[in-house]
Amino acid sequence: EGLFESIQSWWPAGQVDYHWHILPDLAITRAALVEPSGTDARPGIAPVPAEFLHVTLLHSAPVTEIADTEIADITERVRERCSAVAPFELTLDRPSVGSVTIEASADQAGTERLWEITASESQAVLKDRSQ
C-alpha cells in the first residue's frame, strides 16, 4: 500500500483542492522537526523533506470551482489583511503518529486570526459571484 492509498477516499478521485498553508522556516523545521523525528525508522511512514512540511490553515474549494481571477482577488485581499498581523511564534503540540503521517496540532492562538482572514476573504469573494 502506497503512502496516500489509505487516504484517497477522503476526496473524490482526481479532485484537487486549494489549501492555505503556513510554511515554517526551513532551517528551524529541519532542526526541530525533521532530524529528531526519526521518521525514516518507522515502517510505513515515508520521510518528508523539510520543504514539504506545513501547517494546514484552511482546506478550501476544489480548483475547478474557483476562477483564476477569484484566486487573484482572494490572494490580494488576504495579503493586504495579513500585512497587518504581527509576527507570532507558532507552538506545536506533541506529535501524534498516524498510519500515514506524523501530525502535530498548532496552538489556536497563533493560527486563529490567520484562519479567520483566509476563510472570510475567500467567502467574501466567492459570495460576490452570485450577486
Protein backbone atom coordinates (compact mmCIF):
# COMPACT_ATOMS: atom_id res chain seq x y z
CA GLU A 1 0.00 0.00 0.00
CA GLY A 2 1.44 3.37 -1.03
CA LEU A 3 1.76 6.36 1.22
CA PHE A 4 -1.50 8.02 0.14
CA GLU A 5 -3.64 5.00 -0.80
CA SER A 6 -5.27 4.80 2.62
CA ILE A 7 -6.50 8.42 2.47
CA GLN A 8 -7.65 8.56 -1.16
CA SER A 9 -11.27 8.04 -0.14
CA TRP A 10 -11.23 11.38 1.73
CA TRP A 11 -11.63 13.24 -1.58
CA PRO A 12 -13.30 12.29 -4.84
CA ALA A 13 -10.93 10.69 -7.36
CA GLY A 14 -8.96 13.28 -9.29
CA GLN A 15 -10.20 16.24 -7.23
CA VAL A 16 -7.57 18.87 -6.47
CA ASP A 17 -8.41 21.43 -3.80
CA TYR A 18 -6.92 24.75 -2.80
CA HIS A 19 -5.32 24.97 0.64
CA TRP A 20 -3.85 27.77 2.70
CA HIS A 21 -0.64 26.70 4.47
CA ILE A 22 1.78 28.22 6.93
CA LEU A 23 5.27 27.34 5.73
CA PRO A 24 7.83 27.35 8.53
CA ASP A 25 11.42 28.50 8.16
CA LEU A 26 13.36 25.58 6.62
CA ALA A 27 16.37 25.77 8.96
CA ILE A 28 14.14 25.73 12.03
CA THR A 29 11.98 22.97 10.56
CA ARG A 30 14.96 20.74 9.84
CA ALA A 31 16.50 21.21 13.28
CA ALA A 32 13.28 20.99 15.30
CA LEU A 33 11.11 18.53 13.39
CA VAL A 34 12.88 16.54 10.69
CA GLU A 35 16.16 15.49 12.29
CA PRO A 36 14.83 14.41 15.71
CA SER A 37 11.68 12.71 14.41
CA GLY A 38 13.33 9.56 13.12
CA THR A 39 10.54 9.01 10.60
CA ASP A 40 12.91 7.10 8.35
CA ALA A 41 12.99 4.39 11.02
CA ARG A 42 9.21 3.99 11.25
CA PRO A 43 7.73 1.33 8.96
CA GLY A 44 5.01 2.64 6.65
CA ILE A 45 5.89 6.31 7.09
CA ALA A 46 7.96 7.86 4.35
CA PRO A 47 10.34 10.61 5.41
CA VAL A 48 9.14 14.05 4.35
CA PRO A 49 11.71 16.62 3.25
CA ALA A 50 11.63 19.81 5.34
CA GLU A 51 10.47 21.89 2.36
CA PHE A 52 7.20 19.91 2.27
CA LEU A 53 6.33 20.28 5.95
CA HIS A 54 3.50 22.69 6.57
CA VAL A 55 0.67 23.71 8.84
CA THR A 56 -2.66 23.46 7.02
CA LEU A 57 -4.58 26.60 7.83
CA LEU A 58 -7.62 26.17 5.59
CA HIS A 59 -8.81 23.45 3.21
CA SER A 60 -10.68 25.40 0.58
CA ALA A 61 -12.78 24.64 -2.50
CA PRO A 62 -11.87 22.44 -5.47
CA VAL A 63 -9.62 24.10 -8.06
CA THR A 64 -12.28 23.58 -10.73
CA GLU A 65 -14.80 25.67 -8.77
CA ILE A 66 -12.78 28.88 -8.47
CA ALA A 67 -11.73 31.09 -11.39
CA ASP A 68 -8.17 32.40 -11.67
CA THR A 69 -9.47 35.95 -11.23
CA GLU A 70 -11.19 34.93 -7.98
CA ILE A 71 -7.97 33.32 -6.71
CA ALA A 72 -6.08 36.52 -7.55
CA ASP A 73 -8.70 38.61 -5.72
CA ILE A 74 -8.72 36.34 -2.66
CA THR A 75 -4.93 36.29 -2.55
CA GLU A 76 -4.66 40.08 -2.76
CA ARG A 77 -7.27 40.56 -0.03
CA VAL A 78 -5.58 38.02 2.25
CA ARG A 79 -2.14 39.53 1.57
CA GLU A 80 -3.40 43.01 2.47
CA ARG A 81 -5.03 41.89 5.73
CA CYS A 82 -2.13 39.64 6.75
CA SER A 83 0.32 42.52 6.35
CA ALA A 84 -1.24 43.99 9.50
CA VAL A 85 -0.79 40.79 11.53
CA ALA A 86 2.21 40.92 13.84
CA PRO A 87 4.66 38.01 13.63
CA PHE A 88 3.97 35.31 16.19
CA GLU A 89 5.62 32.18 17.48
CA LEU A 90 3.86 29.00 16.40
CA THR A 91 3.80 26.28 19.03
CA LEU A 92 3.07 22.70 18.01
CA ASP A 93 1.58 20.09 20.32
CA ARG A 94 3.24 16.75 20.93
CA PRO A 95 3.32 14.82 17.64
CA SER A 96 0.86 12.01 17.06
CA VAL A 97 1.94 9.10 14.89
CA GLY A 98 -0.80 8.10 12.47
CA SER A 99 -0.92 5.36 9.87
CA VAL A 100 0.43 7.55 7.05
CA THR A 101 1.79 10.62 8.77
CA ILE A 102 3.10 12.22 11.90
CA GLU A 103 0.81 15.10 12.85
CA ALA A 104 1.10 17.85 15.41
CA SER A 105 -1.65 20.35 16.10
CA ALA A 106 -0.71 24.00 16.23
CA ASP A 107 -1.80 26.31 19.01
CA GLN A 108 -5.07 28.09 18.31
CA ALA A 109 -3.80 31.47 19.48
CA GLY A 110 -1.25 31.63 16.69
CA THR A 111 -3.41 30.39 13.84
CA GLU A 112 -6.93 31.54 14.66
CA ARG A 113 -6.52 35.06 13.24
CA LEU A 114 -4.95 33.79 10.01
CA TRP A 115 -7.71 31.21 9.60
CA GLU A 116 -10.34 33.92 10.06
CA ILE A 117 -8.68 36.10 7.42
CA THR A 118 -8.34 33.35 4.81
CA ALA A 119 -11.84 31.98 5.43
CA SER A 120 -13.63 35.32 5.47
CA GLU A 121 -11.86 36.74 2.41
CA SER A 122 -12.47 33.53 0.45
CA GLN A 123 -16.11 33.59 1.41
CA ALA A 124 -16.47 37.30 0.54
CA VAL A 125 -15.05 36.86 -2.97
CA LEU A 126 -16.94 33.66 -3.73
CA LYS A 127 -20.19 35.11 -2.38
CA ASP A 128 -19.82 38.07 -4.76
CA ARG A 129 -20.19 35.76 -7.78
CA SER A 130 -23.87 35.21 -7.02
CA GLN A 131 -24.71 38.92 -6.98
